[in-house]
Amino acid sequence: MRYETVLFDLDGTLIDSGAMILASFKHAAQDVLGIDVPDEQILAAVGGPGLLEQMRALDAARVDDLVASYRAHNEPLHAGLQPCRGMLRLLGELDDEARALGIVTAKRRATVDLAFAVLPLERYFDVIVTSDDTERLKPHPDPILKAVELAEAEPTKTAYVGDSPFDVRAAKAAGVGAIAVTWGKIHSADALRAEQPDALVDDPERLYGVL
């Protein structure tokens, strides 16, 4: 195998959550500020600096209100959450091969647990790094480096799989394999390709081949 340790982003990589993120963000902006934020503006920041920074960019004086409104709308939507197609099978295959698996996400652990409550994901992962665990988030390498440390992994034998430009930048900065996936539909293939990942794949079968 090329990579003994495989770390994954969560949104748009393991779980099909792009639509619910977009809906909750638009709800919060309308509920608190009475404004309609373009979809492109919202999606461009998903997977990077985290929810607090996204809301601070909208209105620094209303961050707490925006975040509260977002979470009140978003958390119930997890009841209908679905995995990205083919990813449960892929995780099973990697687990059968005794690879070390981890999640590195800009979400807080409480929100990750909402996904774990409805999808059979948690049992596959040895390491989970969330926004609670590092001061700096992607595209800084700190979260990935934290996961590598916790997994006692070698960076050259580790890959990070994600669907955003922030994921690719963070992986490169951390010195691990940078693998971009397109199925999340949050970021375009062109935006991912521009970051020059080590691989750009369109389905889990091809991802397995890369890993």
N, C-alpha and C. Protein backbone atom coordinates (compact mmCIF):
# COMPACT_ATOMS: atom_id res chain seq x y z
N MET A 1 0.84 -1.19 0.00
CA MET A 1 0.00 0.00 0.00
C MET A 1 0.87 1.24 0.00
N ARG A 2 0.39 2.30 -0.63
CA ARG A 2 1.17 3.53 -0.70
C ARG A 2 1.10 4.31 0.61
N TYR A 3 -0.10 4.39 1.18
CA TYR A 3 -0.29 5.17 2.41
C TYR A 3 -0.78 4.26 3.53
N GLU A 4 -0.01 4.21 4.62
CA GLU A 4 -0.40 3.41 5.77
C GLU A 4 -1.44 4.11 6.64
N THR A 5 -1.42 5.45 6.60
CA THR A 5 -2.36 6.26 7.37
C THR A 5 -3.13 7.15 6.40
N VAL A 6 -4.45 7.15 6.53
CA VAL A 6 -5.30 7.97 5.66
C VAL A 6 -6.19 8.84 6.54
N LEU A 7 -6.05 10.14 6.37
CA LEU A 7 -6.85 11.13 7.09
C LEU A 7 -7.87 11.72 6.13
N PHE A 8 -9.08 11.96 6.64
CA PHE A 8 -10.16 12.46 5.80
C PHE A 8 -10.73 13.76 6.35
N ASP A 9 -11.08 14.66 5.46
CA ASP A 9 -11.99 15.75 5.78
C ASP A 9 -13.37 15.12 5.99
N LEU A 10 -14.28 15.88 6.59
CA LEU A 10 -15.62 15.32 6.85
C LEU A 10 -16.64 15.80 5.82
N ASP A 11 -16.96 17.10 5.82
CA ASP A 11 -18.00 17.63 4.94
C ASP A 11 -17.60 17.53 3.47
N GLY A 12 -18.46 16.92 2.68
CA GLY A 12 -18.20 16.84 1.24
C GLY A 12 -17.20 15.78 0.86
N THR A 13 -16.64 15.10 1.85
CA THR A 13 -15.68 14.02 1.60
C THR A 13 -16.24 12.70 2.12
N LEU A 14 -16.63 12.68 3.39
CA LEU A 14 -17.25 11.50 3.99
C LEU A 14 -18.76 11.62 4.04
N ILE A 15 -19.26 12.83 4.31
CA ILE A 15 -20.71 13.02 4.44
C ILE A 15 -21.21 14.04 3.42
N ASP A 16 -22.40 13.80 2.92
CA ASP A 16 -23.00 14.64 1.87
C ASP A 16 -23.75 15.80 2.54
N SER A 17 -23.00 16.79 2.98
CA SER A 17 -23.56 17.85 3.82
C SER A 17 -23.56 19.24 3.20
N GLY A 18 -23.14 19.35 1.95
CA GLY A 18 -23.05 20.67 1.33
C GLY A 18 -24.36 21.43 1.32
N ALA A 19 -25.45 20.76 0.96
CA ALA A 19 -26.75 21.43 0.85
C ALA A 19 -27.23 21.94 2.21
N MET A 20 -27.01 21.14 3.26
CA MET A 20 -27.49 21.57 4.57
C MET A 20 -26.64 22.70 5.14
N ILE A 21 -25.35 22.70 4.86
CA ILE A 21 -24.48 23.82 5.28
C ILE A 21 -24.95 25.10 4.61
N LEU A 22 -25.19 25.02 3.31
CA LEU A 22 -25.63 26.18 2.56
C LEU A 22 -26.96 26.71 3.08
N ALA A 23 -27.91 25.81 3.29
CA ALA A 23 -29.24 26.21 3.76
C ALA A 23 -29.17 26.87 5.14
N SER A 24 -28.36 26.33 6.02
CA SER A 24 -28.27 26.88 7.38
C SER A 24 -27.56 28.22 7.40
N PHE A 25 -26.56 28.37 6.57
CA PHE A 25 -25.85 29.65 6.49
C PHE A 25 -26.78 30.74 5.96
N LYS A 26 -27.51 30.41 4.91
CA LYS A 26 -28.44 31.39 4.33
C LYS A 26 -29.54 31.73 5.33
N HIS A 27 -30.00 30.74 6.07
CA HIS A 27 -31.01 30.97 7.10
C HIS A 27 -30.50 31.95 8.15
N ALA A 28 -29.28 31.73 8.64
CA ALA A 28 -28.72 32.58 9.68
C ALA A 28 -28.54 34.02 9.19
N ALA A 29 -28.05 34.17 7.98
CA ALA A 29 -27.84 35.52 7.44
C ALA A 29 -29.17 36.26 7.30
N GLN A 30 -30.20 35.56 6.87
CA GLN A 30 -31.51 36.18 6.72
C GLN A 30 -32.16 36.42 8.08
N ASP A 31 -32.04 35.46 8.97
CA ASP A 31 -32.67 35.54 10.29
C ASP A 31 -32.07 36.67 11.14
N VAL A 32 -30.76 36.80 11.13
CA VAL A 32 -30.09 37.76 12.01
C VAL A 32 -29.86 39.11 11.34
N LEU A 33 -29.47 39.09 10.06
CA LEU A 33 -29.08 40.32 9.39
C LEU A 33 -30.08 40.78 8.34
N GLY A 34 -31.01 39.90 7.97
CA GLY A 34 -31.97 40.25 6.95
C GLY A 34 -31.37 40.40 5.57
N ILE A 35 -30.29 39.63 5.31
CA ILE A 35 -29.64 39.72 4.01
C ILE A 35 -29.59 38.35 3.34
N ASP A 36 -29.47 38.34 2.04
CA ASP A 36 -29.33 37.11 1.26
C ASP A 36 -27.90 37.04 0.75
N VAL A 37 -27.14 36.10 1.24
CA VAL A 37 -25.75 35.95 0.84
C VAL A 37 -25.67 35.01 -0.36
N PRO A 38 -24.95 35.38 -1.43
CA PRO A 38 -24.84 34.51 -2.60
C PRO A 38 -24.25 33.13 -2.25
N ASP A 39 -24.79 32.11 -2.90
CA ASP A 39 -24.31 30.75 -2.65
C ASP A 39 -22.80 30.64 -2.83
N GLU A 40 -22.30 31.26 -3.90
CA GLU A 40 -20.88 31.16 -4.22
C GLU A 40 -20.00 31.70 -3.09
N GLN A 41 -20.44 32.77 -2.47
CA GLN A 41 -19.68 33.37 -1.38
C GLN A 41 -19.62 32.44 -0.17
N ILE A 42 -20.75 31.79 0.11
CA ILE A 42 -20.81 30.88 1.25
C ILE A 42 -19.94 29.65 1.00
N LEU A 43 -20.13 29.02 -0.13
CA LEU A 43 -19.46 27.76 -0.41
C LEU A 43 -17.95 27.93 -0.54
N ALA A 44 -17.50 29.08 -1.00
CA ALA A 44 -16.07 29.31 -1.19
C ALA A 44 -15.29 29.18 0.11
N ALA A 45 -15.94 29.45 1.24
CA ALA A 45 -15.25 29.43 2.54
C ALA A 45 -15.45 28.13 3.30
N VAL A 46 -16.29 27.23 2.79
CA VAL A 46 -16.57 25.99 3.51
C VAL A 46 -15.33 25.09 3.53
N GLY A 47 -15.00 24.60 4.71
CA GLY A 47 -13.86 23.70 4.85
C GLY A 47 -12.58 24.37 5.27
N GLY A 48 -12.63 25.69 5.45
CA GLY A 48 -11.42 26.41 5.77
C GLY A 48 -11.38 26.98 7.17
N PRO A 49 -11.63 28.28 7.30
CA PRO A 49 -11.38 28.95 8.58
C PRO A 49 -12.37 28.63 9.69
N GLY A 50 -13.43 27.94 9.40
CA GLY A 50 -14.39 27.57 10.43
C GLY A 50 -15.58 28.51 10.49
N LEU A 51 -16.62 28.05 11.18
CA LEU A 51 -17.89 28.77 11.22
C LEU A 51 -17.76 30.15 11.85
N LEU A 52 -17.01 30.27 12.93
CA LEU A 52 -16.87 31.57 13.60
C LEU A 52 -16.28 32.62 12.67
N GLU A 53 -15.24 32.23 11.94
CA GLU A 53 -14.61 33.19 11.02
C GLU A 53 -15.52 33.52 9.85
N GLN A 54 -16.26 32.55 9.38
CA GLN A 54 -17.21 32.82 8.29
C GLN A 54 -18.25 33.84 8.74
N MET A 55 -18.76 33.68 9.94
CA MET A 55 -19.77 34.62 10.44
C MET A 55 -19.15 35.96 10.77
N ARG A 56 -17.91 35.97 11.23
CA ARG A 56 -17.23 37.24 11.51
C ARG A 56 -17.07 38.04 10.23
N ALA A 57 -16.85 37.36 9.13
CA ALA A 57 -16.72 38.05 7.84
C ALA A 57 -18.03 38.70 7.42
N LEU A 58 -19.16 38.13 7.87
CA LEU A 58 -20.47 38.72 7.56
C LEU A 58 -20.75 39.94 8.41
N ASP A 59 -20.57 39.80 9.72
CA ASP A 59 -20.83 40.91 10.64
C ASP A 59 -20.14 40.60 11.97
N ALA A 60 -19.00 41.27 12.20
CA ALA A 60 -18.19 40.98 13.38
C ALA A 60 -18.94 41.26 14.68
N ALA A 61 -19.92 42.15 14.63
CA ALA A 61 -20.66 42.51 15.84
C ALA A 61 -21.78 41.53 16.16
N ARG A 62 -22.12 40.64 15.23
CA ARG A 62 -23.26 39.73 15.44
C ARG A 62 -22.85 38.27 15.33
N VAL A 63 -21.57 37.98 15.56
CA VAL A 63 -21.07 36.62 15.38
C VAL A 63 -21.84 35.61 16.23
N ASP A 64 -22.02 35.91 17.50
CA ASP A 64 -22.69 34.96 18.39
C ASP A 64 -24.12 34.68 17.93
N ASP A 65 -24.82 35.72 17.53
CA ASP A 65 -26.19 35.55 17.06
C ASP A 65 -26.24 34.73 15.78
N LEU A 66 -25.31 34.99 14.87
CA LEU A 66 -25.27 34.27 13.60
C LEU A 66 -24.96 32.79 13.83
N VAL A 67 -24.00 32.52 14.68
CA VAL A 67 -23.62 31.14 14.95
C VAL A 67 -24.78 30.39 15.63
N ALA A 68 -25.43 31.04 16.58
CA ALA A 68 -26.56 30.40 17.27
C ALA A 68 -27.69 30.08 16.30
N SER A 69 -27.99 31.01 15.40
CA SER A 69 -29.05 30.79 14.42
C SER A 69 -28.68 29.67 13.46
N TYR A 70 -27.41 29.66 13.03
CA TYR A 70 -26.93 28.61 12.13
C TYR A 70 -27.10 27.24 12.78
N ARG A 71 -26.63 27.11 14.02
CA ARG A 71 -26.66 25.81 14.68
C ARG A 71 -28.08 25.35 14.98
N ALA A 72 -28.95 26.28 15.34
CA ALA A 72 -30.34 25.91 15.61
C ALA A 72 -31.02 25.36 14.37
N HIS A 73 -30.63 25.89 13.21
CA HIS A 73 -31.19 25.40 11.95
C HIS A 73 -30.50 24.12 11.49
N ASN A 74 -29.20 24.06 11.70
CA ASN A 74 -28.38 22.99 11.12
C ASN A 74 -28.46 21.67 11.87
N GLU A 75 -28.48 21.72 13.19
CA GLU A 75 -28.38 20.49 13.96
C GLU A 75 -29.54 19.51 13.70
N PRO A 76 -30.79 19.98 13.62
CA PRO A 76 -31.87 19.03 13.32
C PRO A 76 -31.76 18.37 11.94
N LEU A 77 -31.09 19.04 11.00
CA LEU A 77 -30.95 18.50 9.66
C LEU A 77 -30.09 17.24 9.63
N HIS A 78 -29.28 17.04 10.65
CA HIS A 78 -28.43 15.86 10.67
C HIS A 78 -29.24 14.55 10.71
N ALA A 79 -30.48 14.62 11.11
CA ALA A 79 -31.31 13.41 11.15
C ALA A 79 -31.42 12.76 9.77
N GLY A 80 -31.33 13.58 8.71
CA GLY A 80 -31.42 13.05 7.36
C GLY A 80 -30.09 12.95 6.64
N LEU A 81 -29.01 13.06 7.36
CA LEU A 81 -27.67 13.06 6.76
C LEU A 81 -27.36 11.73 6.08
N GLN A 82 -26.69 11.81 4.94
CA GLN A 82 -26.28 10.62 4.20
C GLN A 82 -24.77 10.63 3.99
N PRO A 83 -24.16 9.46 3.91
CA PRO A 83 -22.73 9.41 3.57
C PRO A 83 -22.54 9.71 2.09
N CYS A 84 -21.37 10.15 1.73
CA CYS A 84 -21.06 10.28 0.31
C CYS A 84 -21.04 8.88 -0.31
N ARG A 85 -21.54 8.79 -1.51
CA ARG A 85 -21.71 7.49 -2.17
C ARG A 85 -20.39 6.71 -2.23
N GLY A 86 -20.45 5.49 -1.76
CA GLY A 86 -19.30 4.59 -1.84
C GLY A 86 -18.29 4.73 -0.72
N MET A 87 -18.46 5.72 0.15
CA MET A 87 -17.43 5.95 1.16
C MET A 87 -17.47 4.94 2.30
N LEU A 88 -18.65 4.46 2.68
CA LEU A 88 -18.69 3.45 3.73
C LEU A 88 -17.99 2.17 3.27
N ARG A 89 -18.18 1.82 2.03
CA ARG A 89 -17.51 0.63 1.50
C ARG A 89 -16.00 0.84 1.49
N LEU A 90 -15.57 2.03 1.06
CA LEU A 90 -14.14 2.31 1.02
C LEU A 90 -13.52 2.24 2.42
N LEU A 91 -14.20 2.85 3.40
CA LEU A 91 -13.69 2.81 4.76
C LEU A 91 -13.57 1.37 5.26
N GLY A 92 -14.54 0.56 4.92
CA GLY A 92 -14.48 -0.85 5.31
C GLY A 92 -13.28 -1.55 4.71
N GLU A 93 -13.00 -1.26 3.44
CA GLU A 93 -11.85 -1.89 2.77
C GLU A 93 -10.54 -1.45 3.40
N LEU A 94 -10.42 -0.16 3.69
CA LEU A 94 -9.19 0.35 4.30
C LEU A 94 -9.02 -0.21 5.71
N ASP A 95 -10.14 -0.34 6.43
CA ASP A 95 -10.09 -0.88 7.77
C ASP A 95 -9.68 -2.36 7.74
N ASP A 96 -10.18 -3.10 6.78
CA ASP A 96 -9.81 -4.51 6.65
C ASP A 96 -8.32 -4.67 6.39
N GLU A 97 -7.72 -3.66 5.77
CA GLU A 97 -6.28 -3.70 5.48
C GLU A 97 -5.44 -3.18 6.65
N ALA A 98 -6.12 -2.90 7.76
CA ALA A 98 -5.45 -2.45 8.99
C ALA A 98 -4.73 -1.11 8.80
N ARG A 99 -5.27 -0.28 7.95
CA ARG A 99 -4.69 1.06 7.83
C ARG A 99 -5.20 1.92 8.99
N ALA A 100 -4.37 2.87 9.41
CA ALA A 100 -4.79 3.81 10.44
C ALA A 100 -5.61 4.91 9.77
N LEU A 101 -6.81 5.17 10.29
CA LEU A 101 -7.71 6.12 9.67
C LEU A 101 -8.03 7.25 10.65
N GLY A 102 -8.20 8.45 10.09
CA GLY A 102 -8.51 9.59 10.95
C GLY A 102 -9.38 10.61 10.24
N ILE A 103 -9.98 11.49 11.02
CA ILE A 103 -10.75 12.61 10.51
C ILE A 103 -10.09 13.90 10.98
N VAL A 104 -9.95 14.85 10.06
CA VAL A 104 -9.46 16.19 10.39
C VAL A 104 -10.47 17.17 9.81
N THR A 105 -11.17 17.88 10.67
CA THR A 105 -12.26 18.74 10.22
C THR A 105 -12.25 20.08 10.95
N ALA A 106 -12.81 21.09 10.32
CA ALA A 106 -12.95 22.40 10.95
C ALA A 106 -14.17 22.47 11.85
N LYS A 107 -14.96 21.39 11.87
CA LYS A 107 -16.13 21.36 12.76
C LYS A 107 -15.69 21.09 14.20
N ARG A 108 -16.53 21.50 15.15
CA ARG A 108 -16.28 21.16 16.54
C ARG A 108 -16.73 19.72 16.78
N ARG A 109 -16.22 19.13 17.87
CA ARG A 109 -16.49 17.71 18.12
C ARG A 109 -17.98 17.46 18.34
N ALA A 110 -18.68 18.39 18.96
CA ALA A 110 -20.11 18.18 19.20
C ALA A 110 -20.88 18.02 17.90
N THR A 111 -20.47 18.73 16.85
CA THR A 111 -21.15 18.62 15.57
C THR A 111 -20.76 17.34 14.85
N VAL A 112 -19.51 16.93 14.98
CA VAL A 112 -19.08 15.65 14.42
C VAL A 112 -19.90 14.52 15.03
N ASP A 113 -20.15 14.62 16.33
CA ASP A 113 -20.91 13.58 17.01
C ASP A 113 -22.35 13.48 16.50
N LEU A 114 -22.89 14.58 15.99
CA LEU A 114 -24.23 14.54 15.38
C LEU A 114 -24.22 13.62 14.16
N ALA A 115 -23.15 13.71 13.38
CA ALA A 115 -23.02 12.82 12.22
C ALA A 115 -22.83 11.38 12.66
N PHE A 116 -22.01 11.17 13.69
CA PHE A 116 -21.77 9.81 14.18
C PHE A 116 -23.04 9.17 14.71
N ALA A 117 -23.95 9.99 15.21
CA ALA A 117 -25.19 9.46 15.80
C ALA A 117 -26.12 8.86 14.75
N VAL A 118 -25.99 9.29 13.50
CA VAL A 118 -26.91 8.80 12.46
C VAL A 118 -26.21 7.96 11.38
N LEU A 119 -24.88 7.99 11.34
CA LEU A 119 -24.16 7.23 10.33
C LEU A 119 -23.12 6.32 11.01
N PRO A 120 -22.90 5.12 10.47
CA PRO A 120 -21.96 4.17 11.08
C PRO A 120 -20.51 4.48 10.69
N LEU A 121 -20.01 5.60 11.18
CA LEU A 121 -18.68 6.08 10.80
C LEU A 121 -17.64 5.95 11.90
N GLU A 122 -18.04 6.23 13.13
CA GLU A 122 -17.06 6.43 14.20
C GLU A 122 -16.13 5.24 14.39
N ARG A 123 -16.64 4.05 14.22
CA ARG A 123 -15.85 2.86 14.53
C ARG A 123 -14.62 2.70 13.63
N TYR A 124 -14.61 3.39 12.50
CA TYR A 124 -13.49 3.25 11.58
C TYR A 124 -12.28 4.10 11.97
N PHE A 125 -12.48 5.08 12.83
CA PHE A 125 -11.44 6.09 13.01
C PHE A 125 -10.68 5.98 14.32
N ASP A 126 -9.36 5.96 14.19
CA ASP A 126 -8.47 5.91 15.34
C ASP A 126 -8.23 7.31 15.91
N VAL A 127 -8.29 8.30 15.04
CA VAL A 127 -7.95 9.68 15.42
C VAL A 127 -9.01 10.62 14.87
N ILE A 128 -9.45 11.56 15.70
CA ILE A 128 -10.39 12.59 15.25
C ILE A 128 -9.90 13.93 15.76
N VAL A 129 -9.58 14.83 14.84
CA VAL A 129 -9.11 16.18 15.19
C VAL A 129 -10.15 17.18 14.69
N THR A 130 -10.66 17.99 15.61
CA THR A 130 -11.68 18.98 15.29
C THR A 130 -11.18 20.38 15.60
N SER A 131 -12.06 21.35 15.43
CA SER A 131 -11.69 22.74 15.71
C SER A 131 -11.42 22.96 17.20
N ASP A 132 -11.82 22.02 18.04
CA ASP A 132 -11.56 22.11 19.47
C ASP A 132 -10.10 21.83 19.82
N ASP A 133 -9.37 21.22 18.88
CA ASP A 133 -8.06 20.65 19.21
C ASP A 133 -6.85 21.49 18.82
N THR A 134 -7.02 22.44 17.92
CA THR A 134 -5.90 23.31 17.52
C THR A 134 -6.38 24.74 17.42
N GLU A 135 -5.48 25.66 17.72
CA GLU A 135 -5.84 27.08 17.65
C GLU A 135 -6.04 27.53 16.22
N ARG A 136 -5.17 27.06 15.34
CA ARG A 136 -5.26 27.42 13.92
C ARG A 136 -5.91 26.28 13.14
N LEU A 137 -6.77 26.64 12.20
CA LEU A 137 -7.47 25.65 11.38
C LEU A 137 -6.90 25.66 9.97
N LYS A 138 -7.37 24.73 9.15
CA LYS A 138 -6.97 24.72 7.74
C LYS A 138 -7.25 26.09 7.10
N PRO A 139 -6.37 26.58 6.24
CA PRO A 139 -5.29 25.87 5.53
C PRO A 139 -3.97 25.75 6.29
N HIS A 140 -3.91 26.20 7.55
CA HIS A 140 -2.71 25.93 8.34
C HIS A 140 -2.55 24.42 8.51
N PRO A 141 -1.34 23.93 8.59
CA PRO A 141 -1.12 22.48 8.69
C PRO A 141 -1.38 21.91 10.08
N ASP A 142 -1.58 22.77 11.08
CA ASP A 142 -1.63 22.31 12.48
C ASP A 142 -2.59 21.15 12.72
N PRO A 143 -3.85 21.20 12.21
CA PRO A 143 -4.76 20.08 12.48
C PRO A 143 -4.27 18.75 11.92
N ILE A 144 -3.70 18.78 10.72
CA ILE A 144 -3.19 17.55 10.13
C ILE A 144 -1.96 17.06 10.89
N LEU A 145 -1.08 17.98 11.26
CA LEU A 145 0.09 17.59 12.04
C LEU A 145 -0.31 16.99 13.38
N LYS A 146 -1.37 17.52 13.98
CA LYS A 146 -1.88 16.97 15.23
C LYS A 146 -2.36 15.54 15.03
N ALA A 147 -3.08 15.30 13.95
CA ALA A 147 -3.57 13.95 13.66
C ALA A 147 -2.42 12.99 13.39
N VAL A 148 -1.41 13.45 12.67
CA VAL A 148 -0.23 12.61 12.40
C VAL A 148 0.45 12.23 13.71
N GLU A 149 0.56 13.20 14.60
CA GLU A 149 1.17 12.94 15.91
C GLU A 149 0.36 11.93 16.71
N LEU A 150 -0.95 12.13 16.77
CA LEU A 150 -1.80 11.22 17.54
C LEU A 150 -1.79 9.81 16.98
N ALA A 151 -1.70 9.71 15.65
CA ALA A 151 -1.69 8.40 15.00
C ALA A 151 -0.31 7.75 15.01
N GLU A 152 0.68 8.51 15.50
CA GLU A 152 2.07 8.04 15.48
C GLU A 152 2.45 7.59 14.07
N ALA A 153 2.10 8.44 13.12
CA ALA A 153 2.29 8.12 11.71
C ALA A 153 3.51 8.84 11.13
N GLU A 154 3.96 8.35 10.00
CA GLU A 154 5.02 9.01 9.24
C GLU A 154 4.37 9.87 8.17
N PRO A 155 4.69 11.17 8.11
CA PRO A 155 4.06 12.03 7.10
C PRO A 155 4.19 11.51 5.68
N THR A 156 5.34 10.94 5.34
CA THR A 156 5.54 10.46 3.97
C THR A 156 4.68 9.24 3.64
N LYS A 157 4.13 8.59 4.68
CA LYS A 157 3.26 7.44 4.48
C LYS A 157 1.81 7.76 4.85
N THR A 158 1.51 9.07 4.88
CA THR A 158 0.18 9.54 5.26
C THR A 158 -0.42 10.36 4.13
N ALA A 159 -1.72 10.21 3.92
CA ALA A 159 -2.44 11.02 2.94
C ALA A 159 -3.58 11.74 3.63
N TYR A 160 -3.87 12.94 3.13
CA TYR A 160 -5.06 13.66 3.60
C TYR A 160 -5.99 13.81 2.41
N VAL A 161 -7.23 13.38 2.59
CA VAL A 161 -8.23 13.38 1.52
C VAL A 161 -9.28 14.43 1.84
N GLY A 162 -9.49 15.38 0.93
CA GLY A 162 -10.48 16.42 1.18
C GLY A 162 -11.03 16.99 -0.10
N ASP A 163 -12.08 17.80 0.05
CA ASP A 163 -12.80 18.30 -1.12
C ASP A 163 -12.64 19.81 -1.32
N SER A 164 -11.75 20.45 -0.55
CA SER A 164 -11.63 21.90 -0.66
C SER A 164 -10.19 22.33 -0.95
N PRO A 165 -10.01 23.51 -1.52
CA PRO A 165 -8.65 24.04 -1.69
C PRO A 165 -7.91 24.16 -0.36
N PHE A 166 -8.64 24.45 0.73
CA PHE A 166 -8.01 24.54 2.05
C PHE A 166 -7.39 23.20 2.45
N ASP A 167 -8.06 22.11 2.10
CA ASP A 167 -7.56 20.78 2.42
C ASP A 167 -6.24 20.51 1.71
N VAL A 168 -6.18 20.85 0.44
CA VAL A 168 -4.96 20.62 -0.34
C VAL A 168 -3.81 21.45 0.21
N ARG A 169 -4.07 22.71 0.50
CA ARG A 169 -3.02 23.58 1.04
C ARG A 169 -2.51 23.06 2.37
N ALA A 170 -3.43 22.65 3.23
CA ALA A 170 -3.03 22.16 4.55
C ALA A 170 -2.21 20.88 4.44
N ALA A 171 -2.63 19.98 3.56
CA ALA A 171 -1.89 18.74 3.37
C ALA A 171 -0.48 18.99 2.88
N LYS A 172 -0.35 19.88 1.91
CA LYS A 172 0.98 20.20 1.39
C LYS A 172 1.86 20.82 2.46
N ALA A 173 1.28 21.73 3.24
CA ALA A 173 2.05 22.39 4.29
C ALA A 173 2.47 21.41 5.38
N ALA A 174 1.68 20.35 5.58
CA ALA A 174 1.99 19.35 6.59
C ALA A 174 2.95 18.28 6.09
N GLY A 175 3.21 18.27 4.79
CA GLY A 175 4.13 17.30 4.23
C GLY A 175 3.54 15.91 4.04
N VAL A 176 2.21 15.84 3.90
CA VAL A 176 1.55 14.56 3.63
C VAL A 176 0.99 14.58 2.21
N GLY A 177 0.57 13.41 1.73
CA GLY A 177 -0.04 13.35 0.41
C GLY A 177 -1.33 14.15 0.37
N ALA A 178 -1.49 14.94 -0.67
CA ALA A 178 -2.67 15.80 -0.82
C ALA A 178 -3.57 15.24 -1.91
N ILE A 179 -4.69 14.67 -1.50
CA ILE A 179 -5.62 14.05 -2.45
C ILE A 179 -6.94 14.80 -2.42
N ALA A 180 -7.34 15.33 -3.56
CA ALA A 180 -8.58 16.10 -3.66
C ALA A 180 -9.66 15.25 -4.31
N VAL A 181 -10.90 15.39 -3.80
CA VAL A 181 -12.03 14.65 -4.34
C VAL A 181 -13.11 15.63 -4.79
N THR A 182 -13.84 15.27 -5.81
CA THR A 182 -14.78 16.21 -6.43
C THR A 182 -16.23 15.97 -6.08
N TRP A 183 -16.55 14.85 -5.40
CA TRP A 183 -17.96 14.48 -5.26
C TRP A 183 -18.74 15.32 -4.26
N GLY A 184 -18.10 16.12 -3.46
CA GLY A 184 -18.82 16.93 -2.49
C GLY A 184 -19.63 18.05 -3.09
N LYS A 185 -19.23 18.49 -4.29
CA LYS A 185 -19.94 19.55 -5.04
C LYS A 185 -20.00 20.87 -4.26
N ILE A 186 -19.10 21.04 -3.28
CA ILE A 186 -19.00 22.31 -2.58
C ILE A 186 -18.01 23.22 -3.30
N HIS A 187 -16.91 22.63 -3.73
CA HIS A 187 -15.88 23.36 -4.48
C HIS A 187 -15.74 22.73 -5.86
N SER A 188 -15.42 23.54 -6.84
CA SER A 188 -15.32 23.04 -8.21
C SER A 188 -14.03 22.27 -8.43
N ALA A 189 -14.06 21.40 -9.43
CA ALA A 189 -12.86 20.66 -9.80
C ALA A 189 -11.76 21.61 -10.24
N ASP A 190 -12.12 22.69 -10.90
CA ASP A 190 -11.12 23.67 -11.35
C ASP A 190 -10.43 24.32 -10.16
N ALA A 191 -11.20 24.64 -9.12
CA ALA A 191 -10.61 25.25 -7.93
C ALA A 191 -9.65 24.28 -7.24
N LEU A 192 -10.01 23.02 -7.23
CA LEU A 192 -9.14 22.01 -6.64
C LEU A 192 -7.89 21.78 -7.48
N ARG A 193 -8.08 21.70 -8.78
CA ARG A 193 -6.96 21.48 -9.69
C ARG A 193 -5.94 22.61 -9.60
N ALA A 194 -6.41 23.82 -9.37
CA ALA A 194 -5.53 24.98 -9.29
C ALA A 194 -4.55 24.87 -8.11
N GLU A 195 -4.90 24.08 -7.11
CA GLU A 195 -4.02 23.90 -5.95
C GLU A 195 -2.96 22.83 -6.18
N GLN A 196 -3.02 22.16 -7.32
CA GLN A 196 -2.05 21.14 -7.70
C GLN A 196 -1.92 20.01 -6.66
N PRO A 197 -3.03 19.35 -6.38
CA PRO A 197 -2.95 18.21 -5.46
C PRO A 197 -2.13 17.08 -6.06
N ASP A 198 -1.73 16.14 -5.22
CA ASP A 198 -1.00 14.98 -5.72
C ASP A 198 -1.90 14.10 -6.57
N ALA A 199 -3.19 14.14 -6.29
CA ALA A 199 -4.17 13.41 -7.10
C ALA A 199 -5.51 14.11 -6.98
N LEU A 200 -6.29 14.06 -8.06
CA LEU A 200 -7.65 14.60 -8.09
C LEU A 200 -8.54 13.48 -8.60
N VAL A 201 -9.49 13.03 -7.76
CA VAL A 201 -10.28 11.86 -8.12
C VAL A 201 -11.77 12.18 -8.06
N ASP A 202 -12.53 11.44 -8.88
CA ASP A 202 -13.96 11.69 -9.03
C ASP A 202 -14.85 10.66 -8.34
N ASP A 203 -14.30 9.56 -7.87
CA ASP A 203 -15.13 8.56 -7.20
C ASP A 203 -14.28 7.74 -6.24
N PRO A 204 -14.93 7.09 -5.25
CA PRO A 204 -14.19 6.34 -4.25
C PRO A 204 -13.37 5.18 -4.81
N GLU A 205 -13.80 4.62 -5.92
CA GLU A 205 -13.04 3.52 -6.52
C GLU A 205 -11.67 4.02 -6.98
N ARG A 206 -11.65 5.18 -7.61
CA ARG A 206 -10.37 5.75 -8.04
C ARG A 206 -9.55 6.19 -6.84
N LEU A 207 -10.21 6.66 -5.81
CA LEU A 207 -9.49 7.05 -4.59
C LEU A 207 -8.77 5.85 -4.00
N TYR A 208 -9.44 4.71 -3.96
CA TYR A 208 -8.81 3.51 -3.44
C TYR A 208 -7.54 3.17 -4.24
N GLY A 209 -7.61 3.34 -5.54
CA GLY A 209 -6.45 3.07 -6.38
C GLY A 209 -5.28 3.99 -6.05
N VAL A 210 -5.59 5.24 -5.75
CA VAL A 210 -4.54 6.20 -5.39
C VAL A 210 -3.93 5.86 -4.04
N LEU A 211 -4.77 5.42 -3.12
CA LEU A 211 -4.29 5.12 -1.76
C LEU A 211 -3.48 3.83 -1.70
